[in-house]
Protein backbone atom coordinates (compact mmCIF):
# COMPACT_ATOMS: atom_id res chain seq x y z
CA MET A 1 37.57 -62.95 -53.51
CA THR A 2 37.99 -59.25 -52.79
CA PRO A 3 37.53 -56.60 -55.48
CA LEU A 4 41.22 -55.65 -55.10
CA ALA A 5 42.38 -59.20 -55.79
CA LEU A 6 40.16 -59.42 -58.87
CA ALA A 7 41.46 -56.09 -60.14
CA LEU A 8 45.08 -57.23 -59.70
CA ILE A 9 44.41 -60.42 -61.67
CA ILE A 10 42.86 -58.44 -64.53
CA GLY A 11 45.75 -55.98 -64.49
CA LEU A 12 48.34 -58.77 -64.74
CA TYR A 13 46.39 -60.39 -67.56
CA PHE A 14 46.42 -57.22 -69.63
CA LEU A 15 50.11 -56.72 -69.00
CA LEU A 16 50.57 -60.16 -70.55
CA LEU A 17 48.54 -59.17 -73.63
CA ILE A 18 50.48 -55.93 -73.99
CA GLY A 19 53.68 -57.98 -73.76
CA ILE A 20 52.52 -60.17 -76.65
CA SER A 21 51.65 -57.00 -78.55
CA TYR A 22 55.18 -55.70 -78.03
CA PHE A 23 56.77 -58.77 -79.61
CA THR A 24 54.34 -58.92 -82.54
CA SER A 25 54.19 -55.22 -83.36
CA LYS A 26 57.69 -54.43 -84.57
CA ASP A 27 56.19 -54.03 -88.02
CA ASP A 28 53.21 -51.68 -87.75
CA SER A 29 52.58 -51.24 -91.47
CA ASN A 30 49.04 -51.29 -92.83
CA THR A 31 49.71 -54.63 -94.56
CA THR A 32 50.59 -56.13 -91.19
CA PHE A 33 47.66 -54.44 -89.43
CA PHE A 34 45.08 -55.54 -92.03
CA LEU A 35 46.29 -59.02 -93.15
CA ALA A 36 49.30 -60.02 -90.98
CA ASN A 37 51.25 -60.27 -94.27
CA LYS A 38 49.24 -63.45 -95.06
CA LYS A 39 51.65 -65.60 -93.06
CA SER A 40 49.42 -66.93 -90.24
CA PRO A 41 49.49 -70.72 -89.63
CA TRP A 42 45.94 -72.01 -90.19
CA TYR A 43 45.87 -74.12 -87.01
CA VAL A 44 46.82 -71.08 -84.91
CA VAL A 45 44.03 -69.09 -86.55
CA THR A 46 41.57 -71.96 -85.90
CA PHE A 47 42.39 -72.23 -82.22
CA GLY A 48 42.25 -68.48 -81.72
CA MET A 49 38.94 -68.20 -83.56
CA ILE A 50 37.30 -70.58 -81.07
CA GLY A 51 37.48 -67.87 -78.44
CA ALA A 52 36.60 -65.10 -80.89
CA SER A 53 33.58 -67.02 -82.22
CA LEU A 54 32.26 -67.78 -78.74
CA SER A 55 33.12 -64.57 -76.87
CA GLY A 56 32.10 -63.52 -73.39
CA VAL A 57 28.47 -63.78 -74.48
CA THR A 58 28.79 -67.54 -74.86
CA PHE A 59 30.89 -67.80 -71.70
CA ILE A 60 28.18 -66.18 -69.57
CA SER A 61 24.95 -66.02 -71.50
CA VAL A 62 24.72 -69.50 -73.04
CA PRO A 63 24.85 -71.22 -69.61
CA GLY A 64 22.27 -68.69 -68.39
CA TRP A 65 20.02 -69.44 -71.37
CA VAL A 66 19.58 -73.06 -70.27
CA GLN A 67 16.91 -72.13 -67.73
CA SER A 68 14.45 -70.87 -70.35
CA THR A 69 15.40 -72.73 -73.54
CA GLN A 70 17.19 -75.87 -72.30
CA PHE A 71 19.68 -77.19 -74.90
CA SER A 72 17.76 -75.88 -77.91
CA TYR A 73 20.78 -73.72 -78.76
CA MET A 74 22.50 -76.88 -80.05
CA GLN A 75 20.07 -76.91 -82.97
CA ILE A 76 21.44 -73.51 -83.98
CA VAL A 77 25.00 -74.80 -83.51
CA PHE A 78 24.35 -77.71 -85.90
CA GLY A 79 23.18 -75.11 -88.39
CA TYR A 80 26.40 -73.17 -87.83
CA PHE A 81 28.39 -76.14 -89.10
CA LEU A 82 26.41 -76.28 -92.34
CA GLY A 83 27.04 -72.56 -92.74
CA TYR A 84 30.78 -73.07 -92.25
CA LEU A 85 30.79 -75.54 -95.15
CA VAL A 86 29.25 -72.88 -97.40
CA ILE A 87 31.86 -70.37 -96.23
CA ALA A 88 34.72 -72.79 -96.89
CA TYR A 89 33.73 -73.88 -100.38
CA VAL A 90 31.82 -70.89 -101.78
CA LEU A 91 33.03 -67.67 -100.14
CA ILE A 92 36.70 -68.29 -99.32
CA PRO A 93 37.66 -69.24 -102.91
CA LEU A 94 35.94 -66.06 -104.10
CA TYR A 95 37.79 -63.80 -101.65
CA TYR A 96 41.18 -65.33 -102.37
CA ARG A 97 40.66 -65.21 -106.13
CA LEU A 98 39.88 -61.49 -105.98
CA ASN A 99 42.84 -60.85 -103.62
CA ILE A 100 40.91 -58.34 -101.53
CA THR A 101 41.59 -56.91 -98.06
CA SER A 102 38.02 -55.89 -97.22
CA ILE A 103 35.49 -58.48 -98.37
CA TYR A 104 33.09 -55.68 -99.34
CA GLU A 105 35.43 -54.75 -102.18
CA TYR A 106 33.73 -57.68 -103.94
CA LEU A 107 30.48 -55.68 -104.05
CA ASN A 108 32.29 -52.79 -105.72
CA GLN A 109 33.70 -55.07 -108.41
CA ARG A 110 30.41 -56.88 -108.89
CA PHE A 111 27.85 -54.04 -108.72
CA GLY A 112 29.40 -50.64 -108.05
CA LYS A 113 30.29 -48.05 -105.42
CA THR A 114 26.85 -47.73 -103.81
CA SER A 115 26.59 -51.49 -103.26
CA HIS A 116 30.13 -51.49 -101.88
CA LYS A 117 29.43 -48.76 -99.35
CA THR A 118 25.99 -50.14 -98.48
CA GLY A 119 27.50 -53.53 -97.64
CA ALA A 120 30.33 -51.97 -95.65
CA PHE A 121 27.88 -49.68 -93.81
CA PHE A 122 25.71 -52.61 -92.69
CA PHE A 123 28.83 -54.42 -91.52
CA LEU A 124 29.92 -51.40 -89.50
CA ILE A 125 26.51 -51.13 -87.84
CA SER A 126 26.39 -54.88 -87.21
CA ARG A 127 29.87 -55.16 -85.76
CA ILE A 128 29.56 -52.04 -83.61
CA LEU A 129 26.37 -53.43 -82.06
CA ILE A 130 27.73 -56.96 -81.62
CA ALA A 131 31.06 -55.84 -80.16
CA SER A 132 29.16 -53.48 -77.86
CA PHE A 133 26.83 -56.30 -76.74
CA ARG A 134 29.82 -58.42 -75.83
CA LEU A 135 31.75 -55.71 -74.06
CA PHE A 136 28.62 -54.55 -72.26
CA LEU A 137 28.28 -58.02 -70.75
CA VAL A 138 31.81 -58.21 -69.40
CA THR A 139 31.88 -54.60 -68.19
CA SER A 140 28.56 -55.18 -66.39
CA ILE A 141 30.10 -58.13 -64.57
CA LEU A 142 33.26 -56.23 -63.69
CA GLN A 143 31.06 -53.41 -62.44
CA TYR A 144 28.73 -55.64 -60.42
CA PHE A 145 31.41 -57.78 -58.78
CA ILE A 146 34.38 -55.42 -58.50
CA LEU A 147 33.99 -51.73 -59.18
CA ASP A 148 30.66 -51.13 -57.44
CA ALA A 149 32.49 -51.86 -54.20
CA TRP A 150 34.69 -48.84 -54.93
CA HIS A 151 31.76 -46.71 -56.14
CA VAL A 152 33.33 -46.42 -59.59
CA PRO A 153 30.82 -45.22 -62.24
CA PHE A 154 29.84 -47.69 -64.95
CA GLU A 155 30.93 -45.16 -67.57
CA PHE A 156 34.50 -45.26 -66.25
CA THR A 157 34.50 -49.07 -66.40
CA VAL A 158 33.50 -48.94 -70.07
CA ILE A 159 36.17 -46.37 -70.93
CA LEU A 160 38.84 -48.44 -69.17
CA SER A 161 37.76 -51.64 -70.95
CA VAL A 162 37.99 -50.10 -74.42
CA LEU A 163 41.28 -48.34 -73.66
CA LEU A 164 42.83 -51.66 -72.64
CA ILE A 165 41.87 -53.15 -76.02
CA TRP A 166 43.24 -50.12 -77.86
CA ALA A 167 46.52 -50.42 -75.95
CA TYR A 168 47.46 -53.80 -77.44
CA THR A 169 45.89 -53.52 -80.91
CA PHE A 170 46.75 -50.03 -82.15
CA ARG A 171 50.12 -50.94 -83.72
CA SER A 172 49.91 -54.31 -85.51
CA GLY A 173 46.18 -55.04 -85.44
CA ILE A 174 45.30 -58.46 -86.81
CA LYS A 175 48.84 -59.83 -86.49
CA THR A 176 48.78 -59.24 -82.74
CA ILE A 177 45.21 -60.49 -82.43
CA ILE A 178 45.97 -63.85 -84.09
CA TRP A 179 48.35 -64.60 -81.19
CA THR A 180 46.46 -62.93 -78.33
CA ASP A 181 43.32 -64.84 -79.39
CA THR A 182 45.24 -68.10 -79.07
CA LEU A 183 46.17 -67.28 -75.48
CA GLN A 184 42.64 -66.09 -74.69
CA THR A 185 41.02 -69.22 -76.14
CA PHE A 186 43.26 -71.35 -73.91
CA PHE A 187 42.23 -69.41 -70.79
CA MET A 188 38.55 -69.57 -71.72
CA LEU A 189 38.44 -73.33 -72.35
CA PHE A 190 40.59 -74.09 -69.31
CA ALA A 191 38.26 -71.99 -67.15
CA VAL A 192 35.12 -73.81 -68.32
CA ILE A 193 36.62 -77.27 -67.81
CA PHE A 194 38.01 -76.28 -64.40
CA VAL A 195 34.64 -74.93 -63.22
CA ILE A 196 32.82 -78.05 -64.44
CA ILE A 197 35.21 -80.28 -62.48
CA ILE A 198 34.73 -78.21 -59.30
CA LEU A 199 30.91 -78.20 -59.58
CA LEU A 200 30.73 -81.91 -60.32
CA ASN A 201 32.83 -82.55 -57.24
CA LYS A 202 30.61 -80.29 -55.08
CA LEU A 203 27.48 -82.04 -56.37
CA ASP A 204 29.12 -85.47 -55.87
CA PHE A 205 28.75 -86.50 -59.52
CA THR A 206 31.10 -87.81 -62.14
CA PHE A 207 30.65 -86.47 -65.68
CA SER A 208 28.83 -89.61 -66.87
CA GLU A 209 26.69 -89.81 -63.69
CA PHE A 210 25.45 -86.26 -64.17
CA LEU A 211 24.59 -87.00 -67.81
CA GLN A 212 22.34 -89.82 -66.59
CA SER A 213 20.80 -87.89 -63.70
CA SER A 214 17.32 -86.38 -63.50
CA ASN A 215 18.95 -83.01 -62.76
CA TYR A 216 20.59 -83.01 -66.19
CA LYS A 217 17.45 -84.26 -67.94
CA ASN A 218 15.47 -81.33 -66.52
CA TYR A 219 17.51 -79.01 -68.73
CA SER A 220 18.91 -81.08 -71.57
CA LYS A 221 16.14 -81.28 -74.18
CA MET A 222 17.98 -80.55 -77.40
CA ILE A 223 15.67 -81.23 -80.35
CA PHE A 224 12.26 -79.54 -80.43
CA THR A 225 9.77 -81.11 -82.85
CA ASP A 226 6.41 -80.34 -81.21
CA SER A 227 5.16 -77.35 -83.18
CA PHE A 228 6.41 -75.77 -86.40
CA ASN A 229 5.09 -72.43 -85.14
CA ASP A 230 7.41 -72.55 -82.11
CA LYS A 231 10.55 -70.42 -82.58
CA LYS A 232 12.60 -73.34 -81.15
CA TYR A 233 11.36 -75.82 -83.80
CA TRP A 234 14.38 -77.84 -84.98
CA LEU A 235 14.27 -77.08 -88.71
CA LYS A 236 13.85 -73.34 -88.13
CA SER A 237 16.76 -73.31 -85.68
CA ILE A 238 19.08 -75.26 -87.98
CA LEU A 239 18.29 -73.07 -90.97
CA GLY A 240 18.60 -69.96 -88.82
CA GLY A 241 21.95 -71.14 -87.47
CA MET A 242 23.21 -71.95 -90.96
CA PHE A 243 22.43 -68.50 -92.32
CA ILE A 244 23.62 -66.76 -89.17
CA ALA A 245 27.00 -68.48 -89.65
CA ILE A 246 27.13 -67.53 -93.33
CA ALA A 247 26.22 -63.92 -92.57
CA MET A 248 28.00 -63.33 -89.25
CA THR A 249 31.16 -65.18 -90.25
CA GLY A 250 31.36 -65.50 -94.03
CA LEU A 251 30.02 -62.01 -94.80
CA ASP A 252 31.64 -60.36 -91.80
CA GLN A 253 34.96 -58.55 -92.16
CA ASP A 254 35.87 -59.28 -88.55
CA ASN A 255 35.88 -63.06 -88.93
CA MET A 256 36.96 -63.27 -92.54
CA GLN A 257 39.90 -60.93 -91.97
CA LYS A 258 41.47 -63.66 -89.83
CA ASN A 259 40.81 -66.31 -92.48
CA LEU A 260 42.41 -64.11 -95.12
CA THR A 261 45.66 -64.04 -93.12
CA CYS A 262 46.19 -67.74 -93.93
CA LYS A 263 48.80 -68.51 -96.59
CA THR A 264 46.55 -70.34 -99.09
CA ILE A 265 42.91 -71.10 -99.90
CA LYS A 266 43.30 -74.70 -98.71
CA GLU A 267 44.69 -73.64 -95.35
CA SER A 268 41.87 -71.14 -94.90
CA GLN A 269 39.31 -73.86 -95.74
CA LYS A 270 40.92 -76.23 -93.23
CA ASN A 271 40.60 -73.50 -90.64
CA VAL A 272 36.87 -72.94 -91.24
CA VAL A 273 35.81 -76.61 -91.42
CA SER A 274 37.89 -77.54 -88.35
CA LEU A 275 36.38 -74.62 -86.46
CA GLY A 276 32.86 -75.80 -87.34
CA PHE A 277 33.53 -79.26 -85.88
CA ILE A 278 35.16 -77.94 -82.73
CA LEU A 279 32.39 -75.45 -81.98
CA ILE A 280 29.80 -78.24 -81.80
CA PHE A 281 31.62 -79.85 -78.89
CA VAL A 282 32.59 -76.58 -77.19
CA ASN A 283 29.04 -75.20 -77.24
CA PHE A 284 27.73 -78.45 -75.78
CA ILE A 285 30.21 -78.07 -72.91
CA PHE A 286 28.87 -74.56 -72.22
CA LEU A 287 25.28 -75.83 -72.11
CA PHE A 288 26.37 -78.72 -69.89
CA LEU A 289 27.90 -76.11 -67.59
CA GLY A 290 24.57 -74.25 -67.57
CA ALA A 291 22.74 -77.38 -66.39
CA LEU A 292 25.34 -77.79 -63.65
CA LEU A 293 25.01 -74.18 -62.53
CA PHE A 294 21.22 -74.30 -62.19
CA THR A 295 21.42 -77.68 -60.44
CA TYR A 296 23.99 -76.27 -58.03
CA ALA A 297 21.90 -73.14 -57.42
CA ALA A 298 18.80 -75.23 -56.66
CA LYS A 299 20.64 -77.54 -54.27
CA PHE A 300 22.31 -74.78 -52.27
CA ASN A 301 19.45 -72.24 -52.47
CA ILE A 302 21.40 -69.65 -54.43
CA ASP A 303 19.25 -66.81 -55.72
CA ILE A 304 19.53 -65.60 -59.29
CA PRO A 305 21.04 -62.06 -59.18
CA ILE A 306 18.60 -59.19 -59.62
CA VAL A 307 19.79 -55.89 -61.09
CA ASP A 308 17.50 -52.85 -61.22
CA GLY A 309 14.52 -55.08 -60.45
CA LYS A 310 15.28 -57.50 -63.30
CA THR A 311 16.29 -61.14 -62.89
CA LYS A 312 19.63 -61.65 -64.63
CA PHE A 313 20.22 -65.31 -65.52
CA ASP A 314 23.43 -64.16 -67.24
CA LEU A 315 24.89 -63.38 -63.81
CA LEU A 316 24.35 -66.82 -62.24
CA PHE A 317 27.74 -68.11 -63.42
CA PRO A 318 29.74 -65.22 -61.93
CA GLU A 319 27.55 -65.26 -58.80
CA ILE A 320 28.49 -68.88 -58.11
CA ALA A 321 32.13 -68.51 -59.15
CA LEU A 322 32.84 -65.33 -57.20
CA ASN A 323 30.41 -65.12 -54.27
CA GLN A 324 29.83 -68.68 -53.05
CA ASP A 325 33.11 -69.43 -51.26
CA LEU A 326 34.30 -71.98 -53.79
CA GLY A 327 37.90 -70.90 -53.41
CA PHE A 328 40.38 -68.34 -54.65
CA GLY A 329 41.47 -70.65 -57.47
CA LEU A 330 38.00 -70.95 -58.97
CA ALA A 331 37.38 -67.20 -58.80
CA THR A 332 40.74 -66.52 -60.41
CA ILE A 333 40.18 -68.99 -63.24
CA PHE A 334 36.66 -67.67 -63.82
CA ILE A 335 37.82 -64.06 -64.15
CA LEU A 336 40.62 -65.07 -66.51
CA GLY A 337 38.19 -67.11 -68.60
CA LEU A 338 35.63 -64.31 -68.69
CA ILE A 339 37.94 -61.53 -69.78
CA ALA A 340 39.70 -63.86 -72.22
CA ALA A 341 36.37 -64.78 -73.83
CA ALA A 342 35.12 -61.21 -73.92
CA TYR A 343 38.22 -59.51 -75.22
CA SER A 344 39.10 -62.20 -77.78
CA SER A 345 36.15 -61.02 -79.87
CA ALA A 346 36.10 -57.34 -78.96
CA ASP A 347 39.73 -56.68 -79.90
CA SER A 348 39.34 -58.14 -83.39
CA ALA A 349 36.09 -56.18 -83.82
CA LEU A 350 37.92 -52.90 -83.24
CA THR A 351 40.57 -53.93 -85.77
CA SER A 352 38.05 -55.02 -88.41
CA LEU A 353 36.02 -51.83 -87.99
CA THR A 354 39.19 -49.85 -88.55
CA THR A 355 40.06 -51.97 -91.59
CA SER A 356 36.66 -51.71 -93.22
CA PHE A 357 36.24 -47.98 -92.73
CA SER A 358 39.80 -47.25 -93.85
CA ILE A 359 39.46 -49.27 -97.06
CA ASP A 360 35.76 -49.12 -97.91
CA PHE A 361 35.08 -45.48 -97.11
CA LEU A 362 38.45 -43.67 -97.02
CA ASN A 363 40.15 -45.61 -99.84
CA ILE A 364 43.26 -45.57 -97.70
CA GLU A 365 45.30 -47.56 -100.23
CA LYS A 366 44.95 -44.67 -102.72
CA LYS A 367 46.15 -42.01 -100.29
CA VAL A 368 49.68 -40.67 -100.15
CA LYS A 369 51.75 -43.46 -98.63
CA SER A 370 53.20 -41.27 -95.91
CA LYS A 371 49.69 -40.54 -94.59
CA GLN A 372 48.20 -44.05 -94.71
CA LYS A 373 49.45 -45.19 -91.32
CA SER A 374 48.43 -42.02 -89.48
CA THR A 375 44.98 -42.17 -91.08
CA ARG A 376 44.50 -45.75 -89.92
CA LYS A 377 45.51 -44.84 -86.37
CA LYS A 378 43.04 -41.94 -86.25
CA VAL A 379 40.23 -44.25 -87.43
CA HIS A 380 41.22 -46.73 -84.72
CA VAL A 381 40.77 -44.05 -82.06
CA VAL A 382 37.42 -42.89 -83.48
CA PHE A 383 35.93 -46.39 -83.39
CA SER A 384 37.19 -46.85 -79.84
CA LEU A 385 35.18 -43.78 -78.87
CA ILE A 386 32.11 -45.03 -80.76
CA LEU A 387 32.21 -48.35 -78.88
CA ILE A 388 32.38 -46.48 -75.57
CA VAL A 389 29.27 -44.43 -76.38
CA VAL A 390 27.22 -47.43 -77.58
CA ILE A 391 28.12 -49.64 -74.61
CA ILE A 392 27.10 -46.92 -72.16
CA ALA A 393 23.79 -46.53 -74.02
CA PHE A 394 23.10 -50.26 -73.63
CA GLN A 395 23.12 -49.84 -69.86
CA TYR A 396 19.79 -48.04 -70.20
CA ILE A 397 18.03 -49.99 -72.97
CA LEU A 398 18.87 -53.71 -72.75
CA GLU A 399 16.46 -56.03 -70.99
CA ASN A 400 16.73 -59.52 -72.54
CA ASN A 401 19.30 -62.30 -72.31
CA ILE A 402 22.39 -60.95 -74.09
CA ILE A 403 22.88 -63.75 -76.61
CA SER A 404 19.21 -63.64 -77.56
CA SER A 405 19.45 -59.89 -78.10
CA LEU A 406 22.65 -60.27 -80.09
CA LEU A 407 21.23 -62.84 -82.50
CA GLN A 408 17.99 -60.87 -82.95
CA VAL A 409 19.86 -57.71 -83.91
CA SER A 410 22.10 -59.70 -86.24
CA SER A 411 19.05 -61.03 -88.05
CA TYR A 412 18.18 -57.47 -89.07
CA THR A 413 21.57 -55.97 -89.81
CA TYR A 414 23.13 -58.90 -91.68
CA GLY A 415 20.11 -59.58 -93.91
CA PRO A 416 21.02 -57.01 -96.59
CA LEU A 417 24.56 -58.42 -96.72
CA LEU A 418 23.17 -61.92 -97.20
CA GLY A 419 20.92 -60.76 -100.04
CA LEU A 420 23.65 -58.70 -101.75
CA PHE A 421 26.25 -61.45 -101.76
CA ALA A 422 23.74 -64.14 -102.76
CA PHE A 423 22.51 -62.05 -105.69
CA GLY A 424 26.07 -61.35 -106.76
CA ILE A 425 27.26 -64.95 -106.56
CA PHE A 426 24.23 -66.84 -107.85
CA THR A 427 23.00 -64.54 -110.62
CA LYS A 428 24.66 -62.82 -113.58
CA TYR A 429 22.46 -59.73 -113.42
CA GLN A 430 23.78 -56.24 -113.04
CA ILE A 431 21.65 -53.79 -111.06
CA LYS A 432 20.89 -50.08 -110.87
CA ASP A 433 23.53 -49.56 -108.25
CA GLN A 434 22.33 -46.14 -107.06
CA TRP A 435 19.17 -47.70 -105.53
CA VAL A 436 20.83 -50.45 -103.49
CA TRP A 437 20.87 -48.47 -100.24
CA LEU A 438 17.09 -47.98 -100.47
CA ILE A 439 16.47 -51.69 -101.13
CA ALA A 440 18.53 -52.56 -98.05
CA ILE A 441 16.59 -50.19 -95.79
CA ILE A 442 13.21 -51.36 -97.12
CA SER A 443 14.27 -54.99 -96.55
CA VAL A 444 15.05 -54.30 -92.89
CA LEU A 445 11.71 -52.52 -92.39
CA LEU A 446 9.77 -55.33 -94.06
CA THR A 447 11.60 -57.87 -91.92
CA TYR A 448 10.71 -55.97 -88.77
CA ILE A 449 7.03 -55.82 -89.76
CA LEU A 450 6.95 -59.51 -90.70
CA ASN A 451 8.60 -60.53 -87.44
CA LYS A 452 6.35 -58.33 -85.29
CA TYR A 453 3.06 -59.41 -86.89
CA SER A 454 3.91 -62.96 -87.98
CA MET A 455 1.38 -64.57 -85.63
CA PHE A 456 -1.40 -62.58 -87.28
CA LEU A 457 -0.09 -62.77 -90.85
CA LEU A 458 1.04 -66.42 -90.80
CA ASN A 459 -1.56 -68.17 -88.68
CA GLY A 460 0.34 -68.23 -85.39
CA TYR A 461 3.83 -68.69 -86.80
CA VAL A 462 6.60 -67.25 -84.61
CA PHE A 463 9.94 -66.50 -86.20
CA GLY A 464 13.16 -67.59 -84.57
CA PHE A 465 16.54 -66.69 -85.99
CA GLU A 466 15.45 -67.87 -89.44
CA ILE A 467 14.04 -64.36 -89.81
CA LEU A 468 17.50 -63.62 -91.21
CA ILE A 469 16.60 -65.74 -94.26
CA ALA A 470 13.48 -63.66 -94.85
CA ASN A 471 15.55 -60.49 -94.58
CA GLY A 472 18.05 -61.75 -97.14
CA LEU A 473 15.22 -62.86 -99.41
CA PHE A 474 13.59 -59.42 -99.29
CA THR A 475 16.92 -57.90 -100.33
CA PHE A 476 17.40 -60.49 -103.10
CA ILE A 477 13.92 -59.80 -104.52
CA GLY A 478 14.50 -56.05 -104.29
CA LEU A 479 17.76 -56.36 -106.22
CA TYR A 480 15.98 -58.39 -108.90
CA LEU A 481 13.42 -55.59 -109.25
CA ILE A 482 16.19 -53.05 -109.95
CA LYS A 483 18.21 -55.27 -112.29
CA SER A 484 19.53 -53.78 -115.50
CA ASP A 485 20.00 -55.34 -118.91
CA LYS A 486 23.75 -55.77 -118.42
CA SER A 487 25.19 -59.02 -117.10
CA LYS A 488 28.46 -59.94 -115.48
CA ASP A 489 30.37 -63.20 -115.31
CA LEU A 490 29.34 -65.19 -112.26
CA ASN A 491 32.92 -66.06 -111.33
CA MET A 492 34.31 -62.59 -112.02
CA LYS A 493 37.38 -63.94 -113.72
């Protein structure tokens, strides 16, 4: 497929998203932008959140991860489901009972202003980095397979990508995203299934035959029980996945903002539990696709793409879909699936960043009503610019598999949030609020030191993503050390 054809497909896709934005943005009030007036059907939210939860990172990077880690990612996914149960039955009732727009308002009510702003700050850092990771991946692919042919600078590709998101989210925010995510999830899942069917046909396998083949078994080891010190050990992965889900979904304004648009607590809980079940099967399909891709590459002697002297397993999927003469249809479906997966998470990230900063730092609801909307729109523009700068910076500093990098960063930035919320929910202690920011920073530094020197300190132990638990525990202990004599009702009634 030529770069021009790919560019036309992407252009038509974004015209479709802007069209959806037009029909959903007749009311551009802050209530609509932040919470969609709490009228979203839960099943629509669930389906849309599949794409937002997976993102372009899963679409590209999870299949590419199979080469080095086989199906060990499924252990983390099983942990995700346990985390979703905690979100559904511990966190969602709390958020609905307090009737909050930003979930970090809870920290203000529970501890005070410093805790509130510390929690919101760590969310902002986390979500900026995660959204930038995801957009970096898709812009790198657009650059490599389309815009390099026209000698377009990477920086221009990044600016264009973010501007396209801004174009269909700046008016009605989360209300528009609920519906665009539904469309994007459909394209993403359809693309994966379509590619699997094509590759199975090219390899002369049925689905069940490939599952029984030696090719599949070379990649499909799922449960790792050999050594507790191994970062892929099953218990560590499940616990890490559980707490990643709690932190990155339940304590994350981006994901919870969508849940809070549901009409009732019960509908929001249905959304979360259903999503947990569905993601188990969807992630397995992505890993299955990875096994197919590496089998196909081995059979037809396809080289893994190399960029700047580095082997990029993340680029094997687009290399096969776009450069191996598998047909215009496959290339078209792949591009649609890729941009759908990437932008379904990035667009909501921009909206949630705008929401959190407007409420948690600017107290937008206390401003003169005539200025609230214009303030929100200015914040939206500022965070668009911030994403552009961070994504461009990643071009020069990232080396690892994208999903591995994403989860590692999340383990550091979400730890203080995990500790803060856990201390607030499971204890009745009040704390010396003015010192919370220092506890959070110290916790991140201690986590970094523990992770870096764990083999020396813990007799060969290597942390996986369960390092997030240690981070949260450091924060929890730190908060206990600065507790005051006051106490507050656990349920905050």
